[in-house]
């Protein structure tokens, strides 16, 4: 059995895919074979609604974590700019060193 024939065996995926043609595009049925059935319709692994939802949730969680990290960094930079006005670099470095020393001491005291 040839590869082309093997791909066409069985029900086709029920998803519609967008194909761009020049300036315009069109929707056409997915050419993949349906391997999973959801609500009575066959879907390929790419267009399986549950798999697509899981991929979307994973991407959303990743983007939210990146967004939270950016917001925290912006807040930290803003506060540092506002709090450090008129303070010399040497004093800021001494405060950072003292804070690190204190953090190490607190970690050693914690059982």
N, C-alpha and C. Protein backbone atom coordinates (compact mmCIF):
# COMPACT_ATOMS: atom_id res chain seq x y z
N UNK A 1 0.84 -1.18 0.00
CA UNK A 1 0.00 0.00 0.00
C UNK A 1 0.89 1.24 0.00
N UNK A 2 0.62 2.17 -0.88
CA UNK A 2 1.44 3.36 -0.99
C UNK A 2 1.14 4.34 0.15
N UNK A 3 2.07 5.28 0.37
CA UNK A 3 1.90 6.26 1.43
C UNK A 3 0.67 7.13 1.20
N UNK A 4 0.45 7.56 -0.03
CA UNK A 4 -0.69 8.41 -0.35
C UNK A 4 -1.99 7.68 -0.07
N UNK A 5 -2.05 6.41 -0.39
CA UNK A 5 -3.26 5.64 -0.15
C UNK A 5 -3.48 5.42 1.34
N UNK A 6 -2.39 5.20 2.09
CA UNK A 6 -2.51 4.98 3.53
C UNK A 6 -3.05 6.22 4.22
N UNK A 7 -2.66 7.40 3.75
CA UNK A 7 -3.12 8.63 4.36
C UNK A 7 -4.61 8.85 4.11
N UNK A 8 -5.12 8.38 3.00
CA UNK A 8 -6.51 8.61 2.66
C UNK A 8 -7.45 7.55 3.25
N UNK A 9 -6.91 6.46 3.82
CA UNK A 9 -7.76 5.43 4.42
C UNK A 9 -8.43 5.98 5.66
N UNK A 10 -9.68 5.62 5.87
CA UNK A 10 -10.41 6.02 7.07
C UNK A 10 -11.04 7.39 6.91
N UNK A 11 -11.79 7.81 7.94
CA UNK A 11 -12.49 9.09 7.86
C UNK A 11 -11.52 10.27 7.91
N UNK A 12 -11.89 11.34 7.26
CA UNK A 12 -11.08 12.56 7.24
C UNK A 12 -11.36 13.38 8.49
N UNK A 13 -10.41 14.23 8.83
CA UNK A 13 -10.57 15.17 9.94
C UNK A 13 -11.72 16.13 9.62
N UNK A 14 -12.52 16.47 10.61
CA UNK A 14 -13.68 17.35 10.41
C UNK A 14 -13.33 18.83 10.44
N UNK A 15 -12.10 19.18 10.78
CA UNK A 15 -11.72 20.59 10.90
C UNK A 15 -11.60 21.26 9.55
N UNK A 16 -11.88 22.55 9.54
CA UNK A 16 -11.68 23.38 8.35
C UNK A 16 -10.39 24.16 8.55
N UNK A 17 -9.54 24.18 7.55
CA UNK A 17 -8.27 24.91 7.65
C UNK A 17 -8.27 26.06 6.64
N UNK A 18 -7.62 27.14 7.03
CA UNK A 18 -7.55 28.33 6.19
C UNK A 18 -6.29 28.27 5.35
N UNK A 19 -6.43 28.41 4.06
CA UNK A 19 -5.30 28.39 3.13
C UNK A 19 -5.24 29.75 2.45
N UNK A 20 -4.12 30.41 2.55
CA UNK A 20 -3.96 31.71 1.92
C UNK A 20 -3.50 31.52 0.49
N UNK A 21 -4.22 32.17 -0.41
CA UNK A 21 -3.89 32.09 -1.83
C UNK A 21 -3.74 33.52 -2.33
N UNK A 22 -2.51 33.96 -2.53
CA UNK A 22 -2.27 35.34 -2.96
C UNK A 22 -2.76 36.31 -1.90
N UNK A 23 -3.59 37.26 -2.30
CA UNK A 23 -4.14 38.22 -1.36
C UNK A 23 -5.34 37.67 -0.62
N UNK A 24 -5.91 36.59 -1.11
CA UNK A 24 -7.13 36.03 -0.55
C UNK A 24 -6.85 34.66 0.01
N UNK A 25 -7.80 34.11 0.66
CA UNK A 25 -7.66 32.77 1.20
C UNK A 25 -8.99 32.06 1.15
N UNK A 26 -8.97 30.81 1.56
CA UNK A 26 -10.22 30.06 1.58
C UNK A 26 -10.12 28.97 2.64
N UNK A 27 -11.27 28.51 3.07
CA UNK A 27 -11.33 27.40 4.00
C UNK A 27 -11.55 26.12 3.22
N UNK A 28 -10.85 25.08 3.65
CA UNK A 28 -11.03 23.79 3.02
C UNK A 28 -10.90 22.73 4.10
N UNK A 29 -11.39 21.53 3.86
CA UNK A 29 -11.28 20.49 4.88
C UNK A 29 -9.83 20.06 5.10
N UNK A 30 -9.52 19.72 6.33
CA UNK A 30 -8.19 19.20 6.65
C UNK A 30 -7.98 17.89 5.89
N UNK A 31 -6.79 17.69 5.37
CA UNK A 31 -6.51 16.50 4.56
C UNK A 31 -6.07 15.30 5.40
N UNK A 32 -5.87 15.50 6.70
CA UNK A 32 -5.39 14.40 7.55
C UNK A 32 -6.50 13.42 7.89
N UNK A 33 -6.06 12.23 8.21
CA UNK A 33 -6.98 11.17 8.61
C UNK A 33 -7.41 11.41 10.05
N UNK A 34 -8.68 11.19 10.35
CA UNK A 34 -9.19 11.34 11.70
C UNK A 34 -8.77 10.16 12.56
N UNK A 35 -8.12 10.43 13.68
CA UNK A 35 -7.65 9.36 14.55
C UNK A 35 -8.38 9.35 15.89
N UNK A 36 -9.09 10.43 16.20
CA UNK A 36 -9.84 10.50 17.45
C UNK A 36 -11.23 11.06 17.14
N UNK A 37 -12.22 10.60 17.89
CA UNK A 37 -13.58 11.04 17.63
C UNK A 37 -14.08 11.86 18.82
N UNK A 38 -14.57 13.06 18.55
CA UNK A 38 -15.13 13.95 19.57
C UNK A 38 -16.51 14.37 19.10
N UNK A 39 -17.51 14.17 19.93
CA UNK A 39 -18.90 14.52 19.61
C UNK A 39 -19.33 13.91 18.27
N UNK A 40 -18.88 12.71 18.01
CA UNK A 40 -19.29 12.00 16.81
C UNK A 40 -18.56 12.43 15.54
N UNK A 41 -17.57 13.31 15.67
CA UNK A 41 -16.83 13.78 14.50
C UNK A 41 -15.37 13.33 14.60
N UNK A 42 -14.77 12.88 13.50
CA UNK A 42 -13.36 12.49 13.54
C UNK A 42 -12.44 13.71 13.45
N UNK A 43 -11.35 13.68 14.18
CA UNK A 43 -10.34 14.74 14.15
C UNK A 43 -8.95 14.13 14.09
N UNK A 44 -8.04 14.83 13.43
CA UNK A 44 -6.63 14.41 13.44
C UNK A 44 -6.02 14.87 14.77
N UNK A 45 -4.79 14.48 15.03
CA UNK A 45 -4.13 14.86 16.29
C UNK A 45 -3.93 16.37 16.40
N UNK A 46 -3.74 17.05 15.29
CA UNK A 46 -3.53 18.49 15.29
C UNK A 46 -4.79 19.24 15.66
N UNK A 47 -5.93 18.82 15.14
CA UNK A 47 -7.17 19.57 15.32
C UNK A 47 -8.09 18.98 16.38
N UNK A 48 -7.64 17.96 17.10
CA UNK A 48 -8.41 17.39 18.20
C UNK A 48 -8.75 18.51 19.18
N UNK A 49 -10.03 18.80 19.44
CA UNK A 49 -10.39 19.93 20.30
C UNK A 49 -9.78 19.86 21.69
N UNK A 50 -9.69 18.69 22.28
CA UNK A 50 -9.11 18.58 23.62
C UNK A 50 -7.61 18.83 23.60
N UNK A 51 -6.92 18.32 22.60
CA UNK A 51 -5.47 18.56 22.49
C UNK A 51 -5.20 20.03 22.20
N UNK A 52 -6.02 20.64 21.35
CA UNK A 52 -5.85 22.06 21.04
C UNK A 52 -6.08 22.90 22.28
N UNK A 53 -7.08 22.54 23.08
CA UNK A 53 -7.36 23.27 24.32
C UNK A 53 -6.19 23.14 25.29
N UNK A 54 -5.62 21.94 25.41
CA UNK A 54 -4.47 21.73 26.31
C UNK A 54 -3.27 22.56 25.84
N UNK A 55 -3.02 22.59 24.53
CA UNK A 55 -1.90 23.40 24.00
C UNK A 55 -2.14 24.88 24.27
N UNK A 56 -3.37 25.33 24.09
CA UNK A 56 -3.71 26.74 24.31
C UNK A 56 -3.54 27.10 25.79
N UNK A 57 -3.99 26.23 26.71
CA UNK A 57 -3.84 26.49 28.14
C UNK A 57 -2.37 26.53 28.54
N UNK A 58 -1.57 25.64 27.97
CA UNK A 58 -0.13 25.62 28.25
C UNK A 58 0.53 26.92 27.80
N UNK A 59 0.18 27.37 26.57
CA UNK A 59 0.72 28.63 26.06
C UNK A 59 0.25 29.82 26.90
N UNK A 60 -1.03 29.81 27.31
CA UNK A 60 -1.55 30.90 28.14
C UNK A 60 -0.81 30.98 29.47
N UNK A 61 -0.56 29.82 30.08
CA UNK A 61 0.17 29.80 31.36
C UNK A 61 1.60 30.33 31.18
N UNK A 62 2.24 29.93 30.09
CA UNK A 62 3.61 30.40 29.80
C UNK A 62 3.62 31.92 29.61
N UNK A 63 2.68 32.43 28.81
CA UNK A 63 2.63 33.87 28.55
C UNK A 63 2.28 34.64 29.82
N UNK A 64 1.40 34.09 30.66
CA UNK A 64 1.05 34.76 31.91
C UNK A 64 2.25 34.84 32.84
N UNK A 65 3.04 33.76 32.92
CA UNK A 65 4.24 33.76 33.75
C UNK A 65 5.24 34.80 33.26
N UNK A 66 5.41 34.87 31.93
CA UNK A 66 6.33 35.88 31.37
C UNK A 66 5.82 37.29 31.63
N UNK A 67 4.51 37.50 31.51
CA UNK A 67 3.92 38.81 31.76
C UNK A 67 4.08 39.21 33.22
N UNK A 68 3.87 38.26 34.13
CA UNK A 68 4.04 38.54 35.56
C UNK A 68 5.48 38.90 35.88
N UNK A 69 6.43 38.18 35.26
CA UNK A 69 7.85 38.47 35.49
C UNK A 69 8.20 39.87 34.98
N UNK A 70 7.68 40.24 33.81
CA UNK A 70 7.94 41.59 33.29
C UNK A 70 7.35 42.66 34.19
N UNK A 71 6.13 42.43 34.68
CA UNK A 71 5.48 43.40 35.56
C UNK A 71 6.25 43.55 36.87
N UNK A 72 6.72 42.44 37.41
CA UNK A 72 7.50 42.49 38.64
C UNK A 72 8.81 43.24 38.42
N UNK A 73 9.47 42.97 37.30
CA UNK A 73 10.73 43.66 36.99
C UNK A 73 10.50 45.16 36.81
N UNK A 74 9.42 45.54 36.11
CA UNK A 74 9.11 46.96 35.94
C UNK A 74 8.82 47.63 37.27
N UNK A 75 8.07 46.96 38.14
CA UNK A 75 7.76 47.51 39.46
C UNK A 75 9.03 47.69 40.28
N UNK A 76 9.89 46.68 40.24
CA UNK A 76 11.15 46.75 40.99
C UNK A 76 12.02 47.90 40.48
N UNK A 77 12.11 48.04 39.16
CA UNK A 77 12.91 49.13 38.59
C UNK A 77 12.31 50.49 38.93
N UNK A 78 10.99 50.60 38.89
CA UNK A 78 10.32 51.86 39.23
C UNK A 78 10.60 52.23 40.68
N UNK A 79 10.42 51.25 41.59
CA UNK A 79 10.65 51.53 43.01
C UNK A 79 12.11 51.89 43.27
N UNK A 80 13.01 51.19 42.63
CA UNK A 80 14.44 51.50 42.81
C UNK A 80 14.74 52.91 42.33
N UNK A 81 14.17 53.30 41.18
CA UNK A 81 14.39 54.65 40.68
C UNK A 81 13.84 55.69 41.64
N UNK A 82 12.65 55.43 42.21
CA UNK A 82 12.02 56.39 43.12
C UNK A 82 12.71 56.44 44.48
N UNK A 83 13.12 55.28 44.98
CA UNK A 83 13.73 55.23 46.31
C UNK A 83 15.19 55.64 46.31
N UNK A 84 15.85 55.48 45.18
CA UNK A 84 17.29 55.71 45.13
C UNK A 84 17.65 57.12 44.70
N UNK A 85 16.68 58.01 44.57
CA UNK A 85 16.97 59.38 44.13
C UNK A 85 17.82 60.06 45.20
N UNK A 86 18.97 60.55 44.81
CA UNK A 86 19.86 61.27 45.73
C UNK A 86 20.75 60.38 46.57
N UNK A 87 20.67 59.06 46.38
CA UNK A 87 21.52 58.14 47.15
C UNK A 87 22.69 57.73 46.28
N UNK A 88 23.88 57.77 46.86
CA UNK A 88 25.07 57.45 46.08
C UNK A 88 25.12 55.96 45.74
N UNK A 89 25.87 55.65 44.70
CA UNK A 89 26.04 54.26 44.27
C UNK A 89 26.70 53.43 45.37
N UNK A 90 27.67 54.02 46.08
CA UNK A 90 28.37 53.30 47.15
C UNK A 90 27.39 52.92 48.27
N UNK A 91 26.50 53.85 48.62
CA UNK A 91 25.52 53.57 49.67
C UNK A 91 24.56 52.48 49.23
N UNK A 92 24.09 52.54 47.98
CA UNK A 92 23.21 51.50 47.46
C UNK A 92 23.89 50.13 47.48
N UNK A 93 25.18 50.09 47.10
CA UNK A 93 25.91 48.83 47.10
C UNK A 93 26.05 48.30 48.51
N UNK A 94 26.31 49.18 49.47
CA UNK A 94 26.44 48.77 50.87
C UNK A 94 25.10 48.21 51.39
N UNK A 95 23.99 48.84 51.01
CA UNK A 95 22.67 48.35 51.41
C UNK A 95 22.38 46.97 50.80
N UNK A 96 22.74 46.80 49.52
CA UNK A 96 22.55 45.50 48.88
C UNK A 96 23.37 44.42 49.56
N UNK A 97 24.62 44.73 49.87
CA UNK A 97 25.48 43.77 50.55
C UNK A 97 24.93 43.41 51.93
N UNK A 98 24.45 44.43 52.66
CA UNK A 98 23.88 44.19 53.98
C UNK A 98 22.63 43.32 53.87
N UNK A 99 21.82 43.57 52.84
CA UNK A 99 20.62 42.76 52.64
C UNK A 99 20.95 41.31 52.32
N UNK A 100 21.99 41.10 51.53
CA UNK A 100 22.42 39.72 51.22
C UNK A 100 22.93 39.03 52.47
N UNK A 101 23.70 39.75 53.27
CA UNK A 101 24.23 39.17 54.51
C UNK A 101 23.08 38.80 55.44
N UNK A 102 22.11 39.68 55.57
CA UNK A 102 20.96 39.41 56.41
C UNK A 102 20.18 38.19 55.90
N UNK A 103 20.00 38.08 54.59
CA UNK A 103 19.29 36.93 54.02
C UNK A 103 20.01 35.63 54.32
N UNK A 104 21.34 35.63 54.23
CA UNK A 104 22.12 34.43 54.53
C UNK A 104 21.98 34.08 56.01
N UNK A 105 22.03 35.07 56.89
CA UNK A 105 21.90 34.84 58.33
C UNK A 105 20.52 34.26 58.66
N UNK A 106 19.49 34.78 58.03
CA UNK A 106 18.14 34.29 58.28
C UNK A 106 17.97 32.86 57.78
N UNK A 107 18.59 32.53 56.64
CA UNK A 107 18.51 31.16 56.13
C UNK A 107 19.20 30.20 57.06
N UNK A 108 20.31 30.62 57.66
CA UNK A 108 21.05 29.72 58.57
C UNK A 108 20.30 29.50 59.86
N UNK A 109 19.52 30.48 60.32
CA UNK A 109 18.76 30.35 61.56
C UNK A 109 17.53 29.48 61.39
N UNK A 110 16.98 29.44 60.18
CA UNK A 110 15.75 28.67 59.92
C UNK A 110 16.05 27.18 60.00
N UNK A 111 15.25 26.45 60.84
CA UNK A 111 15.51 25.01 60.98
C UNK A 111 15.20 24.22 59.73
